Amino acid sequence: MPNDPEAVKSLLQRWIARRVAPEAMAWFEERLRLHREETPERDLHITLGLIPRRLGKADLALGPDELTAAEAARSGWTPKAWSVDAAARTLTLLAAPPPSEGFTHRFKQLRRTADAAETLALYQGLPLYPDPQALEWEAGEGLRSNMKSVFEAIAHDNPYPREVFEEHRWNHMILKALFIGSRLAPIQGLDARANAELARIMRDFAHERWAAGRAVPFEIWRIVGPFAQDAEAVADLTRAFEAQGAGATAIDRKAAALGLAASAWRLADPALAADPILAADIKSGALTWETLSQEADALAQSLPREPVLPNAAPSGV
């Protein structure tokens, strides 16, 4: 797994320099020089607080070549949603030697006093910090946040959960994503870390939604399909595949079809055969979870969003 901390720091500094005024960059480079030495934690906090004012809050808006360089420096690093101030805060933390108590202690102290933007930057940087396993509890605290942006800073386009979370925390992260209306597609390792217990949880969630007369998020079937190894699981997929009205959409049907195609149970193929066009599209590769996710993204802008119940999210993340 590529992981070159010096390359990461070099990239961050280069990206920031391309996007801020020379005098602002001169200030920032001087602060980095100071923090590479043993400076009081108070000075580090001051720098982190001044960064947005000095460097601005614009999006990094990385190009394809820059994102490729990020992946080469750190496998799975996908900073496409990062801002200039988030990049600068992360670089400052990476440049400063950890205190005697260790980096985890520093992270905890910063998280306890951070505002919303600082919190986002802290969690986006998770895959880049030293001793990432020691920060799992802190990441779990972030997942409990009632701010969707904080949750997605950890869950989306971030290799940290895939690499570090134990199964229980991983499964509850996926479940909370559904409760708060967050998409599953940007979660790295979604297919590789799917498991039978999570598939069961997804089916239970679907049954609860059906019983309440509410729509079932289509991405559930991506997790259920590979573990649909009995008649009951295939029946759930078939129910979603055959749903008519009550908010059922073409995307829901396609998702259930992909789930059926992933099942090895003998009843899945006859159910999918009811729509030979979809079956052929799946077989040819014209319909995949990636193409369906793109279709859903394009459609989302024109559809009203379902309200999120603030107290509905599971508490055990």
Protein backbone atom coordinates (compact mmCIF):
# COMPACT_ATOMS: atom_id res chain seq x y z
CA MET A 1 0.00 0.00 0.00
CA PRO A 2 1.66 3.30 -1.06
CA ASN A 3 2.07 5.62 1.91
CA ASP A 4 4.72 8.30 1.60
CA PRO A 5 4.28 10.98 4.32
CA GLU A 6 6.88 13.28 2.79
CA ALA A 7 5.17 13.10 -0.60
CA VAL A 8 1.84 13.91 1.07
CA LYS A 9 3.27 17.01 2.74
CA SER A 10 4.96 18.11 -0.49
CA LEU A 11 1.70 17.79 -2.41
CA LEU A 12 -0.29 19.74 0.17
CA GLN A 13 2.23 22.57 0.18
CA ARG A 14 2.33 22.68 -3.63
CA TRP A 15 -1.47 22.71 -3.96
CA ILE A 16 -1.84 25.51 -1.44
CA ALA A 17 0.91 27.60 -3.07
CA ARG A 18 -0.90 27.38 -6.43
CA ARG A 19 -4.11 28.75 -4.93
CA VAL A 20 -3.17 31.57 -2.56
CA ALA A 21 -1.42 34.91 -2.98
CA PRO A 22 2.39 34.94 -2.62
CA GLU A 23 2.32 37.06 0.55
CA ALA A 24 -0.19 34.70 2.16
CA MET A 25 1.96 31.72 1.23
CA ALA A 26 5.04 33.45 2.68
CA TRP A 27 3.21 33.83 6.00
CA PHE A 28 2.15 30.19 5.95
CA GLU A 29 5.61 28.87 5.10
CA GLU A 30 7.06 30.88 7.99
CA ARG A 31 4.51 29.36 10.35
CA LEU A 32 5.38 25.88 9.07
CA ARG A 33 9.06 26.58 9.68
CA LEU A 34 8.31 27.56 13.26
CA HIS A 35 6.14 24.51 13.89
CA ARG A 36 8.75 22.11 12.55
CA GLU A 37 10.67 23.08 15.66
CA GLU A 38 9.50 22.49 19.23
CA THR A 39 6.86 25.20 19.67
CA PRO A 40 4.20 25.41 22.40
CA GLU A 41 0.83 23.84 21.65
CA ARG A 42 -0.72 27.25 22.16
CA ASP A 43 1.18 28.56 19.12
CA LEU A 44 -0.06 25.65 17.03
CA HIS A 45 -3.66 26.45 18.02
CA ILE A 46 -3.12 30.08 17.05
CA THR A 47 -1.83 29.11 13.60
CA LEU A 48 -4.73 26.74 12.99
CA GLY A 49 -7.15 29.51 13.94
CA LEU A 50 -5.49 32.11 11.68
CA ILE A 51 -5.29 29.92 8.56
CA PRO A 52 -8.77 30.66 7.13
CA ARG A 53 -8.28 34.40 7.59
CA ARG A 54 -4.81 34.40 5.99
CA LEU A 55 -5.27 31.79 3.25
CA GLY A 56 -9.01 31.82 2.61
CA LYS A 57 -11.60 29.06 2.46
CA ALA A 58 -11.79 28.38 -1.27
CA ASP A 59 -12.16 24.83 -2.54
CA LEU A 60 -8.93 23.18 -3.60
CA ALA A 61 -10.76 21.97 -6.72
CA LEU A 62 -8.01 19.49 -7.57
CA GLY A 63 -7.58 18.41 -11.16
CA PRO A 64 -7.31 14.81 -12.37
CA ASP A 65 -3.50 14.84 -12.33
CA GLU A 66 -3.44 16.17 -8.77
CA LEU A 67 -5.88 13.50 -7.59
CA THR A 68 -3.74 10.85 -9.28
CA ALA A 69 -0.70 12.20 -7.41
CA ALA A 70 -2.65 12.00 -4.15
CA GLU A 71 -3.45 8.33 -4.75
CA ALA A 72 0.20 7.65 -5.58
CA ALA A 73 1.37 9.28 -2.35
CA ARG A 74 -1.21 7.64 -0.11
CA SER A 75 -3.39 4.78 -1.31
CA GLY A 76 -7.08 5.72 -1.13
CA TRP A 77 -6.44 9.40 -0.40
CA THR A 78 -9.13 11.28 -2.34
CA PRO A 79 -9.10 14.96 -1.30
CA LYS A 80 -11.51 16.11 -4.02
CA ALA A 81 -13.81 17.82 -1.48
CA TRP A 82 -11.03 19.55 0.47
CA SER A 83 -10.69 23.31 0.88
CA VAL A 84 -7.54 25.40 1.03
CA ASP A 85 -7.88 25.97 4.77
CA ALA A 86 -8.46 22.25 5.43
CA ALA A 87 -5.34 21.38 3.44
CA ALA A 88 -3.29 23.99 5.30
CA ARG A 89 -4.52 22.82 8.70
CA THR A 90 -3.70 19.23 7.84
CA LEU A 91 -0.23 20.17 6.60
CA THR A 92 0.41 22.14 9.78
CA LEU A 93 -0.48 19.12 11.90
CA LEU A 94 1.73 16.84 9.80
CA ALA A 95 4.66 19.26 9.91
CA ALA A 96 4.66 19.84 13.67
CA PRO A 97 6.42 17.20 15.79
CA PRO A 98 3.91 15.54 18.14
CA PRO A 99 3.94 16.57 21.80
CA SER A 100 5.42 14.33 24.44
CA GLU A 101 1.94 12.89 25.08
CA GLY A 102 1.71 11.78 21.43
CA PHE A 103 -0.28 12.81 18.38
CA THR A 104 -3.48 11.17 19.64
CA HIS A 105 -3.47 13.46 22.67
CA ARG A 106 -3.05 16.49 20.40
CA PHE A 107 -5.91 15.34 18.17
CA LYS A 108 -8.24 14.89 21.17
CA GLN A 109 -7.43 18.34 22.50
CA LEU A 110 -8.02 19.96 19.14
CA ARG A 111 -11.29 18.13 18.56
CA ARG A 112 -12.70 19.24 21.90
CA THR A 113 -12.27 22.93 21.05
CA ALA A 114 -12.69 22.85 17.27
CA ASP A 115 -15.35 24.77 15.38
CA ALA A 116 -17.21 23.14 12.47
CA ALA A 117 -14.58 23.87 9.82
CA GLU A 118 -11.71 22.76 12.06
CA THR A 119 -13.58 19.57 12.87
CA LEU A 120 -14.02 18.78 9.17
CA ALA A 121 -10.31 19.30 8.55
CA LEU A 122 -9.34 17.12 11.50
CA TYR A 123 -11.44 14.19 10.31
CA GLN A 124 -10.57 14.54 6.63
CA GLY A 125 -6.93 14.14 7.62
CA LEU A 126 -7.45 10.83 9.42
CA PRO A 127 -5.69 8.63 6.81
CA LEU A 128 -2.60 10.87 6.89
CA TYR A 129 -1.87 11.02 10.62
CA PRO A 130 0.65 8.89 12.53
CA ASP A 131 -0.66 5.87 14.46
CA PRO A 132 -4.13 5.90 12.83
CA GLN A 133 -5.41 2.90 14.82
CA ALA A 134 -5.10 4.93 18.02
CA LEU A 135 -7.63 7.41 16.64
CA GLU A 136 -10.47 4.92 16.04
CA TRP A 137 -12.37 6.00 19.15
CA GLU A 138 -12.07 9.64 18.11
CA ALA A 139 -13.33 8.76 14.63
CA GLY A 140 -16.26 7.00 16.26
CA GLU A 141 -17.08 10.20 18.13
CA GLY A 142 -17.15 12.02 14.81
CA LEU A 143 -19.60 9.50 13.38
CA ARG A 144 -21.96 10.29 16.26
CA SER A 145 -22.09 13.93 15.23
CA ASN A 146 -25.48 15.32 14.26
CA MET A 147 -23.74 17.24 11.48
CA LYS A 148 -23.96 15.39 8.18
CA SER A 149 -20.84 17.16 6.88
CA VAL A 150 -18.77 15.84 9.80
CA PHE A 151 -20.09 12.30 9.31
CA GLU A 152 -19.25 12.44 5.60
CA ALA A 153 -15.75 13.84 6.28
CA ILE A 154 -15.05 10.45 7.85
CA ALA A 155 -17.26 8.16 5.78
CA HIS A 156 -16.89 9.54 2.25
CA ASP A 157 -13.83 9.31 -0.01
CA ASN A 158 -11.74 8.33 3.00
CA PRO A 159 -9.71 5.11 3.30
CA TYR A 160 -9.60 5.35 7.09
CA PRO A 161 -12.85 3.49 7.93
CA ARG A 162 -12.09 0.72 5.45
CA GLU A 163 -8.63 0.16 6.89
CA VAL A 164 -9.19 0.72 10.62
CA PHE A 165 -12.78 0.17 11.73
CA GLU A 166 -13.68 -3.13 13.30
CA GLU A 167 -16.81 -4.78 11.90
CA HIS A 168 -19.28 -3.49 14.47
CA ARG A 169 -18.29 0.15 13.98
CA TRP A 170 -18.20 -0.31 10.20
CA ASN A 171 -21.70 -1.78 10.13
CA HIS A 172 -23.14 0.98 12.27
CA MET A 173 -21.49 3.61 10.08
CA ILE A 174 -23.30 2.16 7.06
CA LEU A 175 -26.59 2.05 8.94
CA LYS A 176 -26.26 5.64 10.15
CA ALA A 177 -25.51 6.77 6.60
CA LEU A 178 -28.93 5.45 5.60
CA PHE A 179 -30.66 7.07 8.57
CA ILE A 180 -29.28 10.53 7.80
CA GLY A 181 -29.78 10.29 4.05
CA SER A 182 -26.09 9.98 3.17
CA ARG A 183 -25.10 8.03 0.07
CA LEU A 184 -23.18 4.77 0.33
CA ALA A 185 -21.35 4.91 -3.03
CA PRO A 186 -18.60 7.32 -1.82
CA ILE A 187 -17.69 4.96 1.05
CA GLN A 188 -14.42 3.25 0.20
CA GLY A 189 -14.42 -0.53 0.62
CA LEU A 190 -18.21 -0.77 0.54
CA ASP A 191 -18.15 -4.06 -1.38
CA ALA A 192 -14.97 -5.51 0.12
CA ARG A 193 -16.15 -4.97 3.70
CA ALA A 194 -19.75 -6.04 3.22
CA ASN A 195 -20.57 -8.92 5.52
CA ALA A 196 -23.42 -11.26 6.38
CA GLU A 197 -24.32 -9.38 9.58
CA LEU A 198 -24.51 -6.09 7.70
CA ALA A 199 -26.70 -7.70 5.03
CA ARG A 200 -29.05 -8.87 7.78
CA ILE A 201 -29.14 -5.35 9.24
CA MET A 202 -29.94 -3.94 5.80
CA ARG A 203 -32.82 -6.37 5.34
CA ASP A 204 -34.21 -5.52 8.77
CA PHE A 205 -33.99 -1.84 7.86
CA ALA A 206 -35.84 -2.50 4.61
CA HIS A 207 -38.60 -4.35 6.47
CA GLU A 208 -38.99 -1.44 8.89
CA ARG A 209 -39.30 1.01 6.01
CA TRP A 210 -41.81 -1.17 4.19
CA ALA A 211 -43.89 -1.55 7.35
CA ALA A 212 -43.93 2.24 7.76
CA GLY A 213 -44.87 2.78 4.12
CA ARG A 214 -41.59 4.54 3.38
CA ALA A 215 -39.19 4.17 0.48
CA VAL A 216 -36.19 1.86 0.87
CA PRO A 217 -32.80 3.39 -0.11
CA PHE A 218 -31.77 1.63 -3.31
CA GLU A 219 -28.14 1.12 -2.23
CA ILE A 220 -29.22 -1.37 0.43
CA TRP A 221 -29.44 -4.08 -2.24
CA ARG A 222 -25.77 -3.65 -3.09
CA ILE A 223 -24.94 -5.09 0.32
CA VAL A 224 -27.75 -7.64 0.48
CA GLY A 225 -27.21 -9.23 -2.96
CA PRO A 226 -23.93 -11.11 -2.39
CA PHE A 227 -25.29 -12.51 0.90
CA ALA A 228 -28.75 -13.42 -0.39
CA GLN A 229 -28.21 -17.14 0.10
CA ASP A 230 -31.67 -18.28 1.09
CA ALA A 231 -35.24 -17.96 -0.11
CA GLU A 232 -36.15 -15.20 2.37
CA ALA A 233 -33.35 -12.90 1.28
CA VAL A 234 -34.12 -13.46 -2.39
CA ALA A 235 -37.79 -12.77 -1.61
CA ASP A 236 -36.79 -9.35 -0.25
CA LEU A 237 -34.84 -8.61 -3.41
CA THR A 238 -37.72 -9.82 -5.54
CA ARG A 239 -40.16 -7.63 -3.62
CA ALA A 240 -38.01 -4.58 -4.35
CA PHE A 241 -37.58 -5.68 -7.97
CA GLU A 242 -41.33 -6.06 -8.51
CA ALA A 243 -42.41 -2.98 -6.54
CA GLN A 244 -44.90 -0.76 -8.30
CA GLY A 245 -46.11 2.65 -7.19
CA ALA A 246 -45.65 3.94 -3.63
CA GLY A 247 -42.54 5.84 -4.61
CA ALA A 248 -40.86 2.93 -6.44
CA THR A 249 -38.57 4.19 -9.19
CA ALA A 250 -36.62 2.77 -12.11
CA ILE A 251 -33.47 3.19 -10.02
CA ASP A 252 -34.96 1.04 -7.24
CA ARG A 253 -35.78 -1.67 -9.77
CA LYS A 254 -32.31 -1.59 -11.29
CA ALA A 255 -30.71 -1.77 -7.83
CA ALA A 256 -32.80 -4.81 -6.91
CA ALA A 257 -31.87 -6.38 -10.25
CA LEU A 258 -28.18 -5.90 -9.49
CA GLY A 259 -28.76 -7.46 -6.09
CA LEU A 260 -30.46 -10.47 -7.65
CA ALA A 261 -27.62 -10.83 -10.14
CA ALA A 262 -25.11 -10.93 -7.25
CA SER A 263 -26.99 -13.69 -5.42
CA ALA A 264 -25.94 -17.31 -5.84
CA TRP A 265 -29.31 -18.64 -4.63
CA ARG A 266 -31.15 -20.76 -7.19
CA LEU A 267 -34.33 -18.63 -7.10
CA ALA A 268 -32.54 -15.39 -7.97
CA ASP A 269 -32.02 -16.11 -11.67
CA PRO A 270 -35.70 -16.88 -12.43
CA ALA A 271 -36.75 -13.68 -10.62
CA LEU A 272 -34.31 -11.57 -12.64
CA ALA A 273 -35.35 -13.31 -15.88
CA ALA A 274 -38.70 -11.51 -15.58
CA ASP A 275 -36.96 -8.48 -17.10
CA PRO A 276 -34.67 -9.77 -19.87
CA ILE A 277 -33.56 -6.25 -20.84
CA LEU A 278 -32.21 -5.47 -17.38
CA ALA A 279 -30.69 -8.95 -17.16
CA ALA A 280 -28.90 -8.38 -20.47
CA ASP A 281 -27.66 -4.93 -19.38
CA ILE A 282 -26.17 -6.43 -16.22
CA LYS A 283 -24.54 -9.27 -18.10
CA SER A 284 -22.99 -6.91 -20.68
CA GLY A 285 -21.76 -4.45 -18.05
CA ALA A 286 -24.02 -1.65 -19.25
CA LEU A 287 -25.65 -1.62 -15.83
CA THR A 288 -23.34 -1.66 -12.80
CA TRP A 289 -23.44 -0.09 -9.37
CA GLU A 290 -21.18 2.65 -10.70
CA THR A 291 -23.45 3.53 -13.63
CA LEU A 292 -26.51 3.34 -11.39
CA SER A 293 -24.90 5.65 -8.84
CA GLN A 294 -24.17 8.16 -11.60
CA GLU A 295 -27.77 7.94 -12.77
CA ALA A 296 -29.01 8.51 -9.22
CA ASP A 297 -26.71 11.52 -8.80
CA ALA A 298 -28.05 13.06 -11.99
CA LEU A 299 -31.63 12.49 -10.91
CA ALA A 300 -31.21 13.69 -7.32
CA GLN A 301 -31.18 17.37 -8.25
CA SER A 302 -34.72 17.18 -9.59
CA LEU A 303 -36.27 15.14 -6.77
CA PRO A 304 -37.50 16.49 -3.40
CA ARG A 305 -35.43 15.30 -0.48
CA GLU A 306 -37.01 13.21 2.23
CA PRO A 307 -36.74 14.95 5.61
CA VAL A 308 -34.29 13.47 8.08
CA LEU A 309 -35.61 12.73 11.56
CA PRO A 310 -33.01 14.20 13.94
CA ASN A 311 -33.43 11.53 16.62
CA ALA A 312 -33.73 8.55 14.27
CA ALA A 313 -30.05 7.73 13.84
CA PRO A 314 -28.68 4.73 15.73
CA SER A 315 -26.74 5.60 18.85
CA GLY A 316 -24.21 2.76 18.76
CA VAL A 317 -21.89 4.02 16.00
